[in-house]
Each structure stands twice: as C-alpha cells, then as structure tokens.
Amino acid sequence: MSMRYGPRTLAALARAGILPEAVAGRGLREYEEASELEPVETGADGRVYLLAPHAAQAWRALSAAAAADGVRLYIVSAFRSVDRQLELIERKLARGDALSDILSVIAPPGFSEHHTGRAVDVGCPEAAPLEREFDRTPAFRWLRSRAGEFGFLLSYPEGNPQGYQYEPWHWCHRVGS
C-alpha cells in the first residue's frame, strides 16, 4: 500500500509515536484542514464551534428541524486542527494510556474528519457527552431517521471498518449531499 502523506501529517505522526504503516494498515484517509470556517454554535462553556460554510448551513437547518420536532441537539466538538488532534493524543499518552487504546477512540493527527470542518460530535440533555448511552436517546433516534435529509451521516457505526469504537455521537456532513 502506497503511503503518501503530507509533511505536516508525517511530523505529527512521528511526534505522537505513530508509525505511518499502522495508519495505512487501517485504511484511514488523510484529511486536509478546512481553509474556510464560520462560527455555528457557542457551547455553555463559551467555546465557539466552527464548521465549513456548507456544513454550518446544514447543521443550522438540521438543528432547527430537530427543535421543531421537540429534540434538543448541541455540538460537543466540531472543527479540530491537526495540532489540536495531536494535543489530545499527547494528553492521553501523558496520562499513561496505551497508544493502541487511544487510536481506537481518536483518529491520528491528519486523519480526523474534524479537520475538514464538516464533522460534529453531537450531544443532548438526556445523555453524558461522548458516551455510548447517546444511542438510547430520542436525539439519536431523530438523527438516525432525519440527519441524512441534511447531508449528515453517522461515521463510526458498530463494527466500522476504520477500527474505531462505536461513536453514535459523531456525524459528518457529506459534500454534495
């Protein structure tokens, strides 16, 4: 398998101690960082979440439709740079987490859909953020039945080929949807 990763991605992988061959073996796709982003939502903690313009427009429409159906959704995470992705991994490594465990729950730097500005981790009042229990909420049921209308798809279902743990909260806007 040919590995032609960008220099920034290769440097980030090296800094995290991730072999490019390990990434290639999982068939992960390298993503470019979004060059144009806009604020789409502000979290309760004051954090401003950014998305690419098409995804931002789609998220606003999806969120309004959910609210009209009595479902409250909010963003837990949106655009994330390669550098931020590396920081998250380094923090887990410093905590003593095994790299293999880390890479089952977080993409290597350069390989996260969050880099594109099209991915959102979705939360709701009925479940703790970024927990599997999200899939037992009305919000998840609503997303499963309606998110596709707005171009959002569940990226990491159970048994996904990328080898990530099931993430019922992670949805990505597909270009051209």
C-alpha atoms as a PDB file:
ATOM      1  CA  MET A   1       0.000   0.000   0.000  1.00  0.00           C
ATOM      2  CA  SER A   2       1.439   3.342  -1.026  1.00  0.00           C
ATOM      3  CA  MET A   3       1.691   5.927   1.721  1.00  0.00           C
ATOM      4  CA  ARG A   4       1.815   9.487   0.507  1.00  0.00           C
ATOM      5  CA  TYR A   5       1.036  11.600   3.494  1.00  0.00           C
ATOM      6  CA  GLY A   6       1.700  15.309   3.758  1.00  0.00           C
ATOM      7  CA  PRO A   7       4.735  16.554   5.670  1.00  0.00           C
ATOM      8  CA  ARG A   8       2.596  18.083   8.446  1.00  0.00           C
ATOM      9  CA  THR A   9       0.775  14.785   8.973  1.00  0.00           C
ATOM     10  CA  LEU A  10       4.032  12.813   8.951  1.00  0.00           C
ATOM     11  CA  ALA A  11       5.575  15.177  11.514  1.00  0.00           C
ATOM     12  CA  ALA A  12       2.516  14.902  13.770  1.00  0.00           C
ATOM     13  CA  LEU A  13       2.509  11.104  13.498  1.00  0.00           C
ATOM     14  CA  ALA A  14       6.210  10.988  14.381  1.00  0.00           C
ATOM     15  CA  ARG A  15       5.709  13.289  17.361  1.00  0.00           C
ATOM     16  CA  ALA A  16       2.935  11.013  18.651  1.00  0.00           C
ATOM     17  CA  GLY A  17       4.963   7.857  18.014  1.00  0.00           C
ATOM     18  CA  ILE A  18       2.519   6.562  15.395  1.00  0.00           C
ATOM     19  CA  LEU A  19       4.040   4.624  12.519  1.00  0.00           C
ATOM     20  CA  PRO A  20       2.661   5.602   9.102  1.00  0.00           C
ATOM     21  CA  GLU A  21       2.427   1.866   8.299  1.00  0.00           C
ATOM     22  CA  ALA A  22      -0.008   1.407  11.189  1.00  0.00           C
ATOM     23  CA  VAL A  23      -2.274   4.105   9.765  1.00  0.00           C
ATOM     24  CA  ALA A  24      -2.031   2.665   6.246  1.00  0.00           C
ATOM     25  CA  GLY A  25      -2.874  -0.786   7.590  1.00  0.00           C
ATOM     26  CA  ARG A  26      -6.199   0.519   8.899  1.00  0.00           C
ATOM     27  CA  GLY A  27      -7.038   2.140   5.580  1.00  0.00           C
ATOM     28  CA  LEU A  28      -7.502   5.560   7.170  1.00  0.00           C
ATOM     29  CA  ARG A  29      -7.926   8.562   4.917  1.00  0.00           C
ATOM     30  CA  GLU A  30      -5.827  11.682   5.348  1.00  0.00           C
ATOM     31  CA  TYR A  31      -7.902  14.872   5.551  1.00  0.00           C
ATOM     32  CA  GLU A  32      -6.907  18.432   4.779  1.00  0.00           C
ATOM     33  CA  GLU A  33      -7.806  21.104   7.264  1.00  0.00           C
ATOM     34  CA  ALA A  34     -10.674  23.330   6.271  1.00  0.00           C
ATOM     35  CA  SER A  35      -9.481  26.661   4.948  1.00  0.00           C
ATOM     36  CA  GLU A  36     -12.769  28.461   5.464  1.00  0.00           C
ATOM     37  CA  LEU A  37     -14.703  28.171   8.714  1.00  0.00           C
ATOM     38  CA  GLU A  38     -17.549  30.030  10.357  1.00  0.00           C
ATOM     39  CA  PRO A  39     -18.964  30.087  13.883  1.00  0.00           C
ATOM     40  CA  VAL A  40     -22.016  27.888  14.102  1.00  0.00           C
ATOM     41  CA  GLU A  41     -22.737  27.499  17.797  1.00  0.00           C
ATOM     42  CA  THR A  42     -21.405  28.578  21.181  1.00  0.00           C
ATOM     43  CA  GLY A  43     -21.253  26.000  23.947  1.00  0.00           C
ATOM     44  CA  ALA A  44     -22.383  26.560  27.529  1.00  0.00           C
ATOM     45  CA  ASP A  45     -18.683  26.975  28.413  1.00  0.00           C
ATOM     46  CA  GLY A  46     -18.314  29.817  25.890  1.00  0.00           C
ATOM     47  CA  ARG A  47     -16.395  27.719  23.356  1.00  0.00           C
ATOM     48  CA  VAL A  48     -17.222  28.729  19.794  1.00  0.00           C
ATOM     49  CA  TYR A  49     -17.680  25.786  17.438  1.00  0.00           C
ATOM     50  CA  LEU A  50     -16.625  26.248  13.838  1.00  0.00           C
ATOM     51  CA  LEU A  51     -17.716  24.426  10.691  1.00  0.00           C
ATOM     52  CA  ALA A  52     -17.102  24.802   6.986  1.00  0.00           C
ATOM     53  CA  PRO A  53     -19.819  27.021   5.426  1.00  0.00           C
ATOM     54  CA  HIS A  54     -21.809  24.211   3.749  1.00  0.00           C
ATOM     55  CA  ALA A  55     -21.730  22.090   6.897  1.00  0.00           C
ATOM     56  CA  ALA A  56     -22.618  25.108   9.051  1.00  0.00           C
ATOM     57  CA  GLN A  57     -25.673  25.852   6.931  1.00  0.00           C
ATOM     58  CA  ALA A  58     -26.715  22.192   7.014  1.00  0.00           C
ATOM     59  CA  TRP A  59     -26.181  21.981  10.791  1.00  0.00           C
ATOM     60  CA  ARG A  60     -28.357  25.034  11.395  1.00  0.00           C
ATOM     61  CA  ALA A  61     -31.149  23.530   9.278  1.00  0.00           C
ATOM     62  CA  LEU A  62     -30.812  20.133  10.977  1.00  0.00           C
ATOM     63  CA  SER A  63     -30.800  21.698  14.434  1.00  0.00           C
ATOM     64  CA  ALA A  64     -33.883  23.821  13.658  1.00  0.00           C
ATOM     65  CA  ALA A  65     -35.757  20.800  12.310  1.00  0.00           C
ATOM     66  CA  ALA A  66     -34.885  18.785  15.404  1.00  0.00           C
ATOM     67  CA  ALA A  67     -36.052  21.621  17.657  1.00  0.00           C
ATOM     68  CA  ALA A  68     -39.318  21.841  15.705  1.00  0.00           C
ATOM     69  CA  ASP A  69     -39.775  18.132  16.464  1.00  0.00           C
ATOM     70  CA  GLY A  70     -39.054  18.719  20.170  1.00  0.00           C
ATOM     71  CA  VAL A  71     -35.493  17.352  20.090  1.00  0.00           C
ATOM     72  CA  ARG A  72     -32.627  19.429  21.531  1.00  0.00           C
ATOM     73  CA  LEU A  73     -29.215  18.871  19.977  1.00  0.00           C
ATOM     74  CA  TYR A  74     -25.986  20.713  20.637  1.00  0.00           C
ATOM     75  CA  ILE A  75     -22.403  20.491  19.425  1.00  0.00           C
ATOM     76  CA  VAL A  76     -19.822  18.919  21.713  1.00  0.00           C
ATOM     77  CA  SER A  77     -16.989  19.180  19.187  1.00  0.00           C
ATOM     78  CA  ALA A  78     -16.658  20.490  15.634  1.00  0.00           C
ATOM     79  CA  PHE A  79     -13.602  21.660  13.649  1.00  0.00           C
ATOM     80  CA  ARG A  80     -10.361  20.437  15.149  1.00  0.00           C
ATOM     81  CA  SER A  81      -6.930  21.234  13.714  1.00  0.00           C
ATOM     82  CA  VAL A  82      -4.170  18.688  13.191  1.00  0.00           C
ATOM     83  CA  ASP A  83      -2.286  20.381  16.044  1.00  0.00           C
ATOM     84  CA  ARG A  84      -5.276  20.102  18.383  1.00  0.00           C
ATOM     85  CA  GLN A  85      -5.705  16.430  17.453  1.00  0.00           C
ATOM     86  CA  LEU A  86      -2.042  15.850  18.342  1.00  0.00           C
ATOM     87  CA  GLU A  87      -2.510  17.665  21.674  1.00  0.00           C
ATOM     88  CA  LEU A  88      -5.420  15.364  22.564  1.00  0.00           C
ATOM     89  CA  ILE A  89      -3.334  12.282  21.836  1.00  0.00           C
ATOM     90  CA  GLU A  90      -0.304  13.638  23.719  1.00  0.00           C
ATOM     91  CA  ARG A  91      -2.504  14.374  26.739  1.00  0.00           C
ATOM     92  CA  LYS A  92      -3.757  10.773  26.768  1.00  0.00           C
ATOM     93  CA  LEU A  93      -0.209   9.423  26.348  1.00  0.00           C
ATOM     94  CA  ALA A  94       0.996  11.592  29.252  1.00  0.00           C
ATOM     95  CA  ARG A  95      -1.833  10.143  31.340  1.00  0.00           C
ATOM     96  CA  GLY A  96      -0.411   6.693  30.649  1.00  0.00           C
ATOM     97  CA  ASP A  97      -2.979   5.459  28.133  1.00  0.00           C
ATOM     98  CA  ALA A  98      -1.688   2.892  25.640  1.00  0.00           C
ATOM     99  CA  LEU A  99      -1.391   4.217  22.083  1.00  0.00           C
ATOM    100  CA  SER A 100      -3.455   1.321  20.725  1.00  0.00           C
ATOM    101  CA  ASP A 101      -6.287   2.204  23.129  1.00  0.00           C
ATOM    102  CA  ILE A 102      -6.064   5.887  22.220  1.00  0.00           C
ATOM    103  CA  LEU A 103      -6.237   5.142  18.499  1.00  0.00           C
ATOM    104  CA  SER A 104      -9.419   3.119  18.962  1.00  0.00           C
ATOM    105  CA  VAL A 105     -11.219   6.250  20.192  1.00  0.00           C
ATOM    106  CA  ILE A 106      -9.441   9.111  18.445  1.00  0.00           C
ATOM    107  CA  ALA A 107      -8.090   9.471  14.929  1.00  0.00           C
ATOM    108  CA  PRO A 108      -4.387  10.027  14.416  1.00  0.00           C
ATOM    109  CA  PRO A 109      -3.490  13.641  13.618  1.00  0.00           C
ATOM    110  CA  GLY A 110      -4.139  14.266   9.934  1.00  0.00           C
ATOM    111  CA  PHE A 111      -6.819  11.571   9.750  1.00  0.00           C
ATOM    112  CA  SER A 112      -9.771  13.075  11.631  1.00  0.00           C
ATOM    113  CA  GLU A 113     -12.974  14.092   9.886  1.00  0.00           C
ATOM    114  CA  HIS A 114     -12.974  17.010  12.320  1.00  0.00           C
ATOM    115  CA  HIS A 115     -10.100  18.538  10.304  1.00  0.00           C
ATOM    116  CA  THR A 116     -12.486  19.050   7.383  1.00  0.00           C
ATOM    117  CA  GLY A 117     -14.850  21.317   9.311  1.00  0.00           C
ATOM    118  CA  ARG A 118     -17.705  19.001   8.351  1.00  0.00           C
ATOM    119  CA  ALA A 119     -17.811  16.706  11.410  1.00  0.00           C
ATOM    120  CA  VAL A 120     -19.735  17.302  14.610  1.00  0.00           C
ATOM    121  CA  ASP A 121     -19.885  15.382  17.836  1.00  0.00           C
ATOM    122  CA  VAL A 122     -23.480  15.821  18.919  1.00  0.00           C
ATOM    123  CA  GLY A 123     -24.833  15.976  22.439  1.00  0.00           C
ATOM    124  CA  CYS A 124     -28.241  16.214  24.044  1.00  0.00           C
ATOM    125  CA  PRO A 125     -29.572  16.887  27.562  1.00  0.00           C
ATOM    126  CA  GLU A 126     -30.543  13.219  28.060  1.00  0.00           C
ATOM    127  CA  ALA A 127     -27.018  11.740  27.884  1.00  0.00           C
ATOM    128  CA  ALA A 128     -23.494  12.486  29.035  1.00  0.00           C
ATOM    129  CA  PRO A 129     -21.366  13.894  26.200  1.00  0.00           C
ATOM    130  CA  LEU A 130     -19.381  11.442  24.086  1.00  0.00           C
ATOM    131  CA  GLU A 131     -20.836   8.366  25.776  1.00  0.00           C
ATOM    132  CA  ARG A 132     -22.384   5.327  24.139  1.00  0.00           C
ATOM    133  CA  GLU A 133     -25.634   5.957  26.038  1.00  0.00           C
ATOM    134  CA  PHE A 134     -26.310   8.673  23.458  1.00  0.00           C
ATOM    135  CA  ASP A 135     -27.673   5.910  21.223  1.00  0.00           C
ATOM    136  CA  ARG A 136     -30.555   5.352  23.647  1.00  0.00           C
ATOM    137  CA  THR A 137     -31.853   8.905  23.409  1.00  0.00           C
ATOM    138  CA  PRO A 138     -34.632  10.483  21.352  1.00  0.00           C
ATOM    139  CA  ALA A 139     -31.908  12.713  19.852  1.00  0.00           C
ATOM    140  CA  PHE A 140     -30.079   9.708  18.404  1.00  0.00           C
ATOM    141  CA  ARG A 141     -33.297   8.175  17.093  1.00  0.00           C
ATOM    142  CA  TRP A 142     -34.123  11.506  15.452  1.00  0.00           C
ATOM    143  CA  LEU A 143     -30.660  11.727  13.885  1.00  0.00           C
ATOM    144  CA  ARG A 144     -30.877   8.143  12.605  1.00  0.00           C
ATOM    145  CA  SER A 145     -34.158   8.918  10.865  1.00  0.00           C
ATOM    146  CA  ARG A 146     -33.620  12.520   9.722  1.00  0.00           C
ATOM    147  CA  ALA A 147     -29.919  13.537   9.609  1.00  0.00           C
ATOM    148  CA  GLY A 148     -29.493  12.190   6.076  1.00  0.00           C
ATOM    149  CA  GLU A 149     -32.033  14.746   4.841  1.00  0.00           C
ATOM    150  CA  PHE A 150     -29.469  17.415   5.781  1.00  0.00           C
ATOM    151  CA  GLY A 151     -26.433  15.547   4.423  1.00  0.00           C
ATOM    152  CA  PHE A 152     -25.174  14.188   7.751  1.00  0.00           C
ATOM    153  CA  LEU A 153     -24.222  10.542   8.161  1.00  0.00           C
ATOM    154  CA  LEU A 154     -23.099   8.503  11.142  1.00  0.00           C
ATOM    155  CA  SER A 155     -19.370   7.989  10.567  1.00  0.00           C
ATOM    156  CA  TYR A 156     -18.483   5.226  13.002  1.00  0.00           C
ATOM    157  CA  PRO A 157     -21.273   2.697  13.494  1.00  0.00           C
ATOM    158  CA  GLU A 158     -20.676  -0.539  15.371  1.00  0.00           C
ATOM    159  CA  GLY A 159     -18.114  -2.699  13.583  1.00  0.00           C
ATOM    160  CA  ASN A 160     -16.891   0.175  11.378  1.00  0.00           C
ATOM    161  CA  PRO A 161     -14.028  -0.755   9.029  1.00  0.00           C
ATOM    162  CA  GLN A 162     -11.772   2.019  10.394  1.00  0.00           C
ATOM    163  CA  GLY A 163     -11.425   0.154  13.695  1.00  0.00           C
ATOM    164  CA  TYR A 164     -12.799   2.924  15.896  1.00  0.00           C
ATOM    165  CA  GLN A 165     -15.062   2.263  18.823  1.00  0.00           C
ATOM    166  CA  TYR A 166     -18.726   2.858  18.092  1.00  0.00           C
ATOM    167  CA  GLU A 167     -19.426   6.617  18.183  1.00  0.00           C
ATOM    168  CA  PRO A 168     -23.165   7.271  17.968  1.00  0.00           C
ATOM    169  CA  TRP A 169     -22.489  10.992  18.513  1.00  0.00           C
ATOM    170  CA  HIS A 170     -20.108  11.516  15.547  1.00  0.00           C
ATOM    171  CA  TRP A 171     -21.843  12.758  12.378  1.00  0.00           C
ATOM    172  CA  CYS A 172     -20.229  14.174   9.254  1.00  0.00           C
ATOM    173  CA  HIS A 173     -21.704  16.330   6.541  1.00  0.00           C
ATOM    174  CA  ARG A 174     -21.036  14.754   3.177  1.00  0.00           C
ATOM    175  CA  VAL A 175     -20.085  17.177   0.421  1.00  0.00           C
ATOM    176  CA  GLY A 176     -22.673  17.253  -2.335  1.00  0.00           C
ATOM    177  CA  SER A 177     -25.392  15.858  -0.071  1.00  0.00           C
END
